[in-house]
Amino acid sequence: MKKEAKNLIGLGIIVLLLTIFCMVLIQEENHRTETKIFQIEANPYDVNINIIITQDTTLALKFAKLNTDSTVTIEDFRGAASVSLTGDGIPTIWFPSLTRSTRDIAKANHELMHMLFYITNRAGLSLNESTDEAFAYELDYLTLQLYKHIK
């Protein structure tokens, strides 16, 4: 009986470890494909920016159309990221994924720079020697706001 009990306990431990391992794999997969939608502020400018992070381009398209205008097409979601600026709605940035990797930070800053030009043009500012510091601070601010939401 003791040997059978030990075998059952050993089998139970193996089943438990396999279950935990599978749960970790599922959680990692969900984390990779998870959809995140949030807003960041573009202070001191009176603009909020929608951020959508999803690999589901159909969802991203619907979200952009809902929040910007109807001229956005699925082709706008074929690249590494996309910015939707037109219309009277809330400007939107889409990323299929976003991490704290150096490559993703560069990708985020690329898209945030497009957004920065959109925001400052609406405010009547253009990039030149007398405004470059304001642009640099705003890019820094937008990057920090975005990465508060990225683990």
N, C-alpha and C. Protein backbone atom coordinates (compact mmCIF):
# COMPACT_ATOMS: atom_id res chain seq x y z
N MET A 1 0.81 -1.19 0.00
CA MET A 1 0.00 0.00 0.00
C MET A 1 0.85 1.26 0.00
N LYS A 2 1.93 1.22 0.78
CA LYS A 2 2.77 2.41 0.85
C LYS A 2 3.37 2.74 -0.51
N LYS A 3 3.80 1.71 -1.23
CA LYS A 3 4.40 1.91 -2.55
C LYS A 3 3.37 2.48 -3.51
N GLU A 4 2.13 1.96 -3.44
CA GLU A 4 1.06 2.46 -4.31
C GLU A 4 0.74 3.92 -3.97
N ALA A 5 0.74 4.26 -2.69
CA ALA A 5 0.47 5.63 -2.26
C ALA A 5 1.56 6.57 -2.76
N LYS A 6 2.81 6.12 -2.66
CA LYS A 6 3.92 6.95 -3.15
C LYS A 6 3.80 7.15 -4.66
N ASN A 7 3.45 6.09 -5.37
CA ASN A 7 3.28 6.20 -6.82
C ASN A 7 2.16 7.18 -7.18
N LEU A 8 1.06 7.08 -6.43
CA LEU A 8 -0.07 8.00 -6.67
C LEU A 8 0.32 9.44 -6.37
N ILE A 9 1.06 9.65 -5.30
CA ILE A 9 1.51 11.00 -4.95
C ILE A 9 2.45 11.50 -6.03
N GLY A 10 3.37 10.67 -6.47
CA GLY A 10 4.30 11.05 -7.54
C GLY A 10 3.56 11.38 -8.82
N LEU A 11 2.57 10.58 -9.16
CA LEU A 11 1.76 10.83 -10.36
C LEU A 11 0.97 12.13 -10.21
N GLY A 12 0.45 12.35 -9.02
CA GLY A 12 -0.29 13.58 -8.75
C GLY A 12 0.59 14.81 -8.91
N ILE A 13 1.81 14.72 -8.42
CA ILE A 13 2.75 15.84 -8.55
C ILE A 13 3.07 16.09 -10.02
N ILE A 14 3.27 15.04 -10.79
CA ILE A 14 3.55 15.19 -12.22
C ILE A 14 2.38 15.85 -12.93
N VAL A 15 1.16 15.41 -12.63
CA VAL A 15 -0.04 15.99 -13.25
C VAL A 15 -0.15 17.47 -12.87
N LEU A 16 0.10 17.79 -11.61
CA LEU A 16 0.04 19.17 -11.14
C LEU A 16 1.08 20.03 -11.88
N LEU A 17 2.30 19.56 -11.99
CA LEU A 17 3.35 20.31 -12.68
C LEU A 17 3.02 20.51 -14.15
N LEU A 18 2.49 19.47 -14.80
CA LEU A 18 2.09 19.60 -16.21
C LEU A 18 0.96 20.61 -16.36
N THR A 19 0.02 20.59 -15.43
CA THR A 19 -1.09 21.55 -15.47
C THR A 19 -0.57 22.97 -15.31
N ILE A 20 0.32 23.19 -14.36
CA ILE A 20 0.90 24.52 -14.16
C ILE A 20 1.66 24.95 -15.40
N PHE A 21 2.44 24.05 -15.97
CA PHE A 21 3.21 24.35 -17.18
C PHE A 21 2.28 24.77 -18.32
N CYS A 22 1.19 24.03 -18.51
CA CYS A 22 0.23 24.37 -19.57
C CYS A 22 -0.44 25.72 -19.30
N MET A 23 -0.76 26.00 -18.04
CA MET A 23 -1.37 27.28 -17.70
C MET A 23 -0.41 28.43 -18.00
N VAL A 24 0.86 28.24 -17.71
CA VAL A 24 1.87 29.28 -18.01
C VAL A 24 1.96 29.49 -19.51
N LEU A 25 1.98 28.42 -20.29
CA LEU A 25 2.04 28.55 -21.75
C LEU A 25 0.82 29.28 -22.29
N ILE A 26 -0.35 28.94 -21.80
CA ILE A 26 -1.58 29.60 -22.24
C ILE A 26 -1.56 31.07 -21.86
N GLN A 27 -1.11 31.37 -20.65
CA GLN A 27 -1.05 32.76 -20.21
C GLN A 27 -0.06 33.55 -21.07
N GLU A 28 1.10 32.97 -21.39
CA GLU A 28 2.06 33.64 -22.26
C GLU A 28 1.46 33.89 -23.63
N GLU A 29 0.76 32.92 -24.18
CA GLU A 29 0.13 33.08 -25.49
C GLU A 29 -0.92 34.17 -25.45
N ASN A 30 -1.74 34.19 -24.41
CA ASN A 30 -2.74 35.25 -24.25
C ASN A 30 -2.08 36.60 -24.11
N HIS A 31 -0.96 36.66 -23.41
CA HIS A 31 -0.26 37.93 -23.23
C HIS A 31 0.26 38.45 -24.58
N ARG A 32 0.75 37.54 -25.41
CA ARG A 32 1.28 37.95 -26.71
C ARG A 32 0.18 38.45 -27.64
N THR A 33 -0.99 37.85 -27.56
CA THR A 33 -2.05 38.20 -28.51
C THR A 33 -3.12 39.09 -27.88
N GLU A 34 -2.90 39.50 -26.66
CA GLU A 34 -3.89 40.31 -25.95
C GLU A 34 -4.11 41.64 -26.66
N THR A 35 -5.33 42.10 -26.66
CA THR A 35 -5.68 43.40 -27.23
C THR A 35 -5.72 44.42 -26.10
N LYS A 36 -5.04 45.53 -26.32
CA LYS A 36 -5.07 46.63 -25.37
C LYS A 36 -5.58 47.87 -26.09
N ILE A 37 -6.48 48.58 -25.45
CA ILE A 37 -6.98 49.85 -25.97
C ILE A 37 -6.96 50.84 -24.81
N PHE A 38 -6.32 51.97 -25.03
CA PHE A 38 -6.26 53.00 -24.00
C PHE A 38 -6.00 54.35 -24.66
N GLN A 39 -6.07 55.41 -23.87
CA GLN A 39 -5.79 56.75 -24.37
C GLN A 39 -4.60 57.34 -23.63
N ILE A 40 -3.84 58.16 -24.34
CA ILE A 40 -2.81 58.97 -23.71
C ILE A 40 -3.14 60.43 -24.00
N GLU A 41 -2.72 61.29 -23.11
CA GLU A 41 -2.94 62.72 -23.27
C GLU A 41 -1.73 63.35 -23.92
N ALA A 42 -1.96 64.40 -24.67
CA ALA A 42 -0.87 65.12 -25.33
C ALA A 42 -0.72 66.49 -24.69
N ASN A 43 -0.67 66.53 -23.37
CA ASN A 43 -0.52 67.82 -22.67
C ASN A 43 0.74 68.54 -23.13
N PRO A 44 0.72 69.83 -23.28
CA PRO A 44 -0.32 70.79 -22.92
C PRO A 44 -1.38 70.99 -24.02
N TYR A 45 -1.30 70.20 -25.07
CA TYR A 45 -2.25 70.34 -26.18
C TYR A 45 -3.56 69.64 -25.81
N ASP A 46 -4.64 70.17 -26.27
CA ASP A 46 -5.96 69.65 -25.92
C ASP A 46 -6.32 68.50 -26.86
N VAL A 47 -5.54 67.43 -26.77
CA VAL A 47 -5.74 66.27 -27.64
C VAL A 47 -5.51 65.00 -26.84
N ASN A 48 -6.41 64.05 -26.99
CA ASN A 48 -6.18 62.70 -26.49
C ASN A 48 -5.87 61.83 -27.69
N ILE A 49 -5.08 60.80 -27.47
CA ILE A 49 -4.67 59.90 -28.54
C ILE A 49 -5.10 58.49 -28.17
N ASN A 50 -5.85 57.85 -29.05
CA ASN A 50 -6.21 56.45 -28.86
C ASN A 50 -5.03 55.58 -29.24
N ILE A 51 -4.78 54.57 -28.44
CA ILE A 51 -3.78 53.55 -28.75
C ILE A 51 -4.50 52.22 -28.78
N ILE A 52 -4.32 51.48 -29.86
CA ILE A 52 -4.84 50.12 -29.92
C ILE A 52 -3.68 49.20 -30.28
N ILE A 53 -3.52 48.18 -29.45
CA ILE A 53 -2.46 47.19 -29.67
C ILE A 53 -3.17 45.86 -29.87
N THR A 54 -3.15 45.36 -31.09
CA THR A 54 -3.80 44.09 -31.39
C THR A 54 -3.25 43.54 -32.70
N GLN A 55 -3.19 42.23 -32.78
CA GLN A 55 -2.83 41.59 -34.04
C GLN A 55 -4.05 41.38 -34.92
N ASP A 56 -5.21 41.65 -34.37
CA ASP A 56 -6.47 41.52 -35.10
C ASP A 56 -6.69 42.79 -35.93
N THR A 57 -6.28 42.75 -37.20
CA THR A 57 -6.37 43.94 -38.05
C THR A 57 -7.81 44.33 -38.35
N THR A 58 -8.72 43.37 -38.34
CA THR A 58 -10.14 43.69 -38.56
C THR A 58 -10.66 44.52 -37.39
N LEU A 59 -10.31 44.15 -36.17
CA LEU A 59 -10.69 44.92 -35.00
C LEU A 59 -10.05 46.31 -35.05
N ALA A 60 -8.77 46.38 -35.41
CA ALA A 60 -8.08 47.67 -35.50
C ALA A 60 -8.76 48.57 -36.53
N LEU A 61 -9.15 48.02 -37.66
CA LEU A 61 -9.84 48.79 -38.70
C LEU A 61 -11.17 49.33 -38.17
N LYS A 62 -11.97 48.48 -37.54
CA LYS A 62 -13.25 48.92 -36.99
C LYS A 62 -13.06 50.03 -35.96
N PHE A 63 -12.06 49.86 -35.10
CA PHE A 63 -11.78 50.85 -34.07
C PHE A 63 -11.37 52.18 -34.69
N ALA A 64 -10.49 52.13 -35.68
CA ALA A 64 -10.04 53.37 -36.33
C ALA A 64 -11.18 54.06 -37.06
N LYS A 65 -12.01 53.29 -37.74
CA LYS A 65 -13.17 53.90 -38.43
C LYS A 65 -14.13 54.54 -37.44
N LEU A 66 -14.33 53.89 -36.33
CA LEU A 66 -15.23 54.41 -35.32
C LEU A 66 -14.71 55.72 -34.72
N ASN A 67 -13.39 55.82 -34.57
CA ASN A 67 -12.80 56.94 -33.86
C ASN A 67 -12.18 58.02 -34.75
N THR A 68 -11.94 57.73 -36.02
CA THR A 68 -11.37 58.76 -36.89
C THR A 68 -12.35 59.05 -38.01
N ASP A 69 -12.24 58.35 -39.12
CA ASP A 69 -13.22 58.53 -40.19
C ASP A 69 -13.29 57.27 -41.05
N SER A 70 -14.17 57.29 -42.02
CA SER A 70 -14.43 56.08 -42.80
C SER A 70 -13.44 55.87 -43.94
N THR A 71 -12.44 56.74 -44.12
CA THR A 71 -11.50 56.56 -45.23
C THR A 71 -10.39 55.56 -44.89
N VAL A 72 -10.30 55.13 -43.66
CA VAL A 72 -9.30 54.14 -43.26
C VAL A 72 -9.68 52.80 -43.90
N THR A 73 -8.68 52.10 -44.45
CA THR A 73 -8.93 50.79 -45.06
C THR A 73 -8.03 49.74 -44.43
N ILE A 74 -8.30 48.49 -44.72
CA ILE A 74 -7.49 47.39 -44.19
C ILE A 74 -6.04 47.52 -44.63
N GLU A 75 -5.79 48.16 -45.77
CA GLU A 75 -4.42 48.37 -46.25
C GLU A 75 -3.60 49.21 -45.29
N ASP A 76 -4.26 50.05 -44.51
CA ASP A 76 -3.57 50.89 -43.53
C ASP A 76 -2.99 50.06 -42.39
N PHE A 77 -3.36 48.79 -42.31
CA PHE A 77 -2.92 47.93 -41.22
C PHE A 77 -2.02 46.79 -41.71
N ARG A 78 -1.34 47.01 -42.81
CA ARG A 78 -0.45 45.98 -43.37
C ARG A 78 0.99 46.14 -42.90
N GLY A 79 1.34 47.27 -42.30
CA GLY A 79 2.73 47.52 -41.90
C GLY A 79 3.01 47.16 -40.46
N ALA A 80 4.09 47.72 -39.96
CA ALA A 80 4.53 47.45 -38.59
C ALA A 80 3.70 48.22 -37.57
N ALA A 81 3.06 49.30 -38.02
CA ALA A 81 2.20 50.13 -37.17
C ALA A 81 1.50 51.13 -38.07
N SER A 82 0.55 51.86 -37.53
CA SER A 82 -0.22 52.78 -38.36
C SER A 82 -0.76 53.92 -37.51
N VAL A 83 -0.89 55.10 -38.14
CA VAL A 83 -1.48 56.26 -37.49
C VAL A 83 -2.66 56.70 -38.32
N SER A 84 -3.80 56.92 -37.67
CA SER A 84 -5.00 57.43 -38.34
C SER A 84 -5.27 58.83 -37.81
N LEU A 85 -5.13 59.83 -38.68
CA LEU A 85 -5.19 61.21 -38.22
C LEU A 85 -6.36 62.00 -38.76
N THR A 86 -6.95 61.56 -39.84
CA THR A 86 -7.93 62.39 -40.53
C THR A 86 -9.27 62.39 -39.82
N GLY A 87 -10.08 63.35 -40.17
CA GLY A 87 -11.41 63.44 -39.59
C GLY A 87 -11.43 64.26 -38.32
N ASP A 88 -12.60 64.40 -37.76
CA ASP A 88 -12.77 65.18 -36.55
C ASP A 88 -12.73 64.32 -35.30
N GLY A 89 -12.46 63.06 -35.44
CA GLY A 89 -12.47 62.14 -34.30
C GLY A 89 -11.17 62.19 -33.53
N ILE A 90 -10.95 61.16 -32.73
CA ILE A 90 -9.76 61.06 -31.89
C ILE A 90 -8.64 60.39 -32.69
N PRO A 91 -7.48 61.04 -32.81
CA PRO A 91 -6.37 60.40 -33.54
C PRO A 91 -6.00 59.07 -32.88
N THR A 92 -5.64 58.11 -33.72
CA THR A 92 -5.43 56.74 -33.26
C THR A 92 -4.11 56.19 -33.78
N ILE A 93 -3.39 55.49 -32.91
CA ILE A 93 -2.19 54.76 -33.32
C ILE A 93 -2.45 53.28 -33.08
N TRP A 94 -2.16 52.47 -34.10
CA TRP A 94 -2.29 51.02 -33.99
C TRP A 94 -0.92 50.38 -34.02
N PHE A 95 -0.70 49.43 -33.13
CA PHE A 95 0.49 48.57 -33.12
C PHE A 95 0.00 47.13 -33.09
N PRO A 96 0.56 46.23 -33.91
CA PRO A 96 0.17 44.83 -33.81
C PRO A 96 0.65 44.22 -32.48
N SER A 97 1.77 44.73 -31.98
CA SER A 97 2.30 44.33 -30.68
C SER A 97 3.24 45.45 -30.24
N LEU A 98 3.51 45.50 -28.95
CA LEU A 98 4.42 46.53 -28.44
C LEU A 98 5.01 46.05 -27.13
N THR A 99 6.33 46.03 -27.09
CA THR A 99 7.06 45.61 -25.89
C THR A 99 8.04 46.72 -25.51
N ARG A 100 8.86 46.44 -24.55
CA ARG A 100 9.89 47.40 -24.14
C ARG A 100 11.22 47.14 -24.86
N SER A 101 11.18 46.36 -25.92
CA SER A 101 12.42 46.11 -26.67
C SER A 101 12.86 47.39 -27.37
N THR A 102 14.14 47.48 -27.64
CA THR A 102 14.70 48.66 -28.32
C THR A 102 14.02 48.88 -29.66
N ARG A 103 13.78 47.81 -30.39
CA ARG A 103 13.12 47.91 -31.70
C ARG A 103 11.71 48.47 -31.57
N ASP A 104 10.96 48.01 -30.59
CA ASP A 104 9.60 48.49 -30.41
C ASP A 104 9.56 49.94 -29.92
N ILE A 105 10.52 50.32 -29.08
CA ILE A 105 10.58 51.72 -28.65
C ILE A 105 10.84 52.63 -29.85
N ALA A 106 11.72 52.19 -30.73
CA ALA A 106 11.99 52.96 -31.95
C ALA A 106 10.74 53.04 -32.82
N LYS A 107 10.02 51.92 -32.96
CA LYS A 107 8.78 51.89 -33.73
C LYS A 107 7.75 52.83 -33.12
N ALA A 108 7.63 52.80 -31.80
CA ALA A 108 6.68 53.67 -31.11
C ALA A 108 7.03 55.13 -31.33
N ASN A 109 8.30 55.47 -31.21
CA ASN A 109 8.71 56.87 -31.42
C ASN A 109 8.48 57.31 -32.85
N HIS A 110 8.63 56.41 -33.80
CA HIS A 110 8.34 56.73 -35.20
C HIS A 110 6.88 57.15 -35.34
N GLU A 111 5.97 56.34 -34.80
CA GLU A 111 4.54 56.65 -34.89
C GLU A 111 4.17 57.87 -34.05
N LEU A 112 4.79 58.01 -32.90
CA LEU A 112 4.52 59.18 -32.06
C LEU A 112 4.99 60.47 -32.74
N MET A 113 6.04 60.39 -33.53
CA MET A 113 6.51 61.57 -34.26
C MET A 113 5.47 62.02 -35.28
N HIS A 114 4.86 61.06 -35.99
CA HIS A 114 3.76 61.42 -36.89
C HIS A 114 2.65 62.13 -36.11
N MET A 115 2.31 61.57 -34.96
CA MET A 115 1.26 62.14 -34.13
C MET A 115 1.65 63.53 -33.64
N LEU A 116 2.91 63.69 -33.27
CA LEU A 116 3.40 64.98 -32.79
C LEU A 116 3.23 66.06 -33.85
N PHE A 117 3.58 65.75 -35.09
CA PHE A 117 3.40 66.74 -36.17
C PHE A 117 1.93 67.07 -36.37
N TYR A 118 1.08 66.08 -36.27
CA TYR A 118 -0.36 66.31 -36.40
C TYR A 118 -0.86 67.25 -35.29
N ILE A 119 -0.47 66.96 -34.07
CA ILE A 119 -0.92 67.75 -32.92
C ILE A 119 -0.41 69.19 -33.01
N THR A 120 0.88 69.34 -33.28
CA THR A 120 1.45 70.69 -33.30
C THR A 120 0.97 71.50 -34.50
N ASN A 121 0.72 70.83 -35.63
CA ASN A 121 0.15 71.56 -36.77
C ASN A 121 -1.23 72.09 -36.43
N ARG A 122 -2.02 71.28 -35.74
CA ARG A 122 -3.36 71.75 -35.31
C ARG A 122 -3.24 72.94 -34.37
N ALA A 123 -2.14 73.00 -33.60
CA ALA A 123 -1.93 74.10 -32.65
C ALA A 123 -1.24 75.30 -33.31
N GLY A 124 -0.90 75.16 -34.61
CA GLY A 124 -0.26 76.26 -35.32
C GLY A 124 1.25 76.34 -35.17
N LEU A 125 1.88 75.26 -34.70
CA LEU A 125 3.33 75.24 -34.54
C LEU A 125 3.97 74.47 -35.68
N SER A 126 5.12 74.94 -36.11
CA SER A 126 5.91 74.17 -37.07
C SER A 126 7.30 73.97 -36.48
N LEU A 127 7.94 72.90 -36.89
CA LEU A 127 9.26 72.57 -36.36
C LEU A 127 10.30 73.50 -36.98
N ASN A 128 11.01 74.21 -36.12
CA ASN A 128 12.14 75.05 -36.55
C ASN A 128 13.08 75.22 -35.36
N GLU A 129 14.12 76.03 -35.52
CA GLU A 129 15.11 76.17 -34.44
C GLU A 129 14.52 76.73 -33.15
N SER A 130 13.49 77.53 -33.26
CA SER A 130 12.93 78.12 -32.04
C SER A 130 11.88 77.22 -31.38
N THR A 131 11.41 76.17 -32.08
CA THR A 131 10.40 75.29 -31.49
C THR A 131 10.91 73.87 -31.27
N ASP A 132 12.14 73.57 -31.66
CA ASP A 132 12.61 72.18 -31.60
C ASP A 132 12.62 71.63 -30.17
N GLU A 133 12.87 72.48 -29.18
CA GLU A 133 12.88 72.00 -27.80
C GLU A 133 11.47 71.60 -27.36
N ALA A 134 10.47 72.36 -27.76
CA ALA A 134 9.08 72.02 -27.43
C ALA A 134 8.71 70.68 -28.07
N PHE A 135 9.14 70.46 -29.32
CA PHE A 135 8.88 69.19 -30.00
C PHE A 135 9.57 68.04 -29.25
N ALA A 136 10.81 68.26 -28.86
CA ALA A 136 11.57 67.21 -28.16
C ALA A 136 10.90 66.85 -26.83
N TYR A 137 10.49 67.87 -26.07
CA TYR A 137 9.82 67.60 -24.79
C TYR A 137 8.50 66.87 -25.00
N GLU A 138 7.75 67.27 -26.02
CA GLU A 138 6.46 66.62 -26.25
C GLU A 138 6.65 65.16 -26.68
N LEU A 139 7.65 64.88 -27.52
CA LEU A 139 7.93 63.49 -27.90
C LEU A 139 8.31 62.67 -26.68
N ASP A 140 9.12 63.25 -25.82
CA ASP A 140 9.49 62.59 -24.57
C ASP A 140 8.24 62.30 -23.73
N TYR A 141 7.37 63.28 -23.60
CA TYR A 141 6.15 63.14 -22.81
C TYR A 141 5.24 62.06 -23.39
N LEU A 142 5.03 62.09 -24.70
CA LEU A 142 4.17 61.08 -25.34
C LEU A 142 4.73 59.68 -25.15
N THR A 143 6.04 59.54 -25.28
CA THR A 143 6.69 58.23 -25.11
C THR A 143 6.46 57.72 -23.69
N LEU A 144 6.65 58.59 -22.71
CA LEU A 144 6.44 58.19 -21.31
C LEU A 144 4.98 57.80 -21.07
N GLN A 145 4.04 58.58 -21.63
CA GLN A 145 2.62 58.26 -21.46
C GLN A 145 2.29 56.90 -22.07
N LEU A 146 2.82 56.63 -23.26
CA LEU A 146 2.57 55.35 -23.92
C LEU A 146 3.13 54.19 -23.10
N TYR A 147 4.37 54.33 -22.66
CA TYR A 147 5.03 53.20 -21.99
C TYR A 147 4.60 52.99 -20.55
N LYS A 148 3.76 53.87 -20.01
CA LYS A 148 3.14 53.58 -18.72
C LYS A 148 2.20 52.39 -18.83
N HIS A 149 1.73 52.12 -20.06
CA HIS A 149 0.77 51.04 -20.29
C HIS A 149 1.41 49.76 -20.81
N ILE A 150 2.72 49.77 -21.02
CA ILE A 150 3.41 48.61 -21.61
C ILE A 150 4.32 47.99 -20.58
N LYS A 151 4.16 46.68 -20.38
CA LYS A 151 4.99 45.96 -19.40
C LYS A 151 6.17 45.34 -20.07
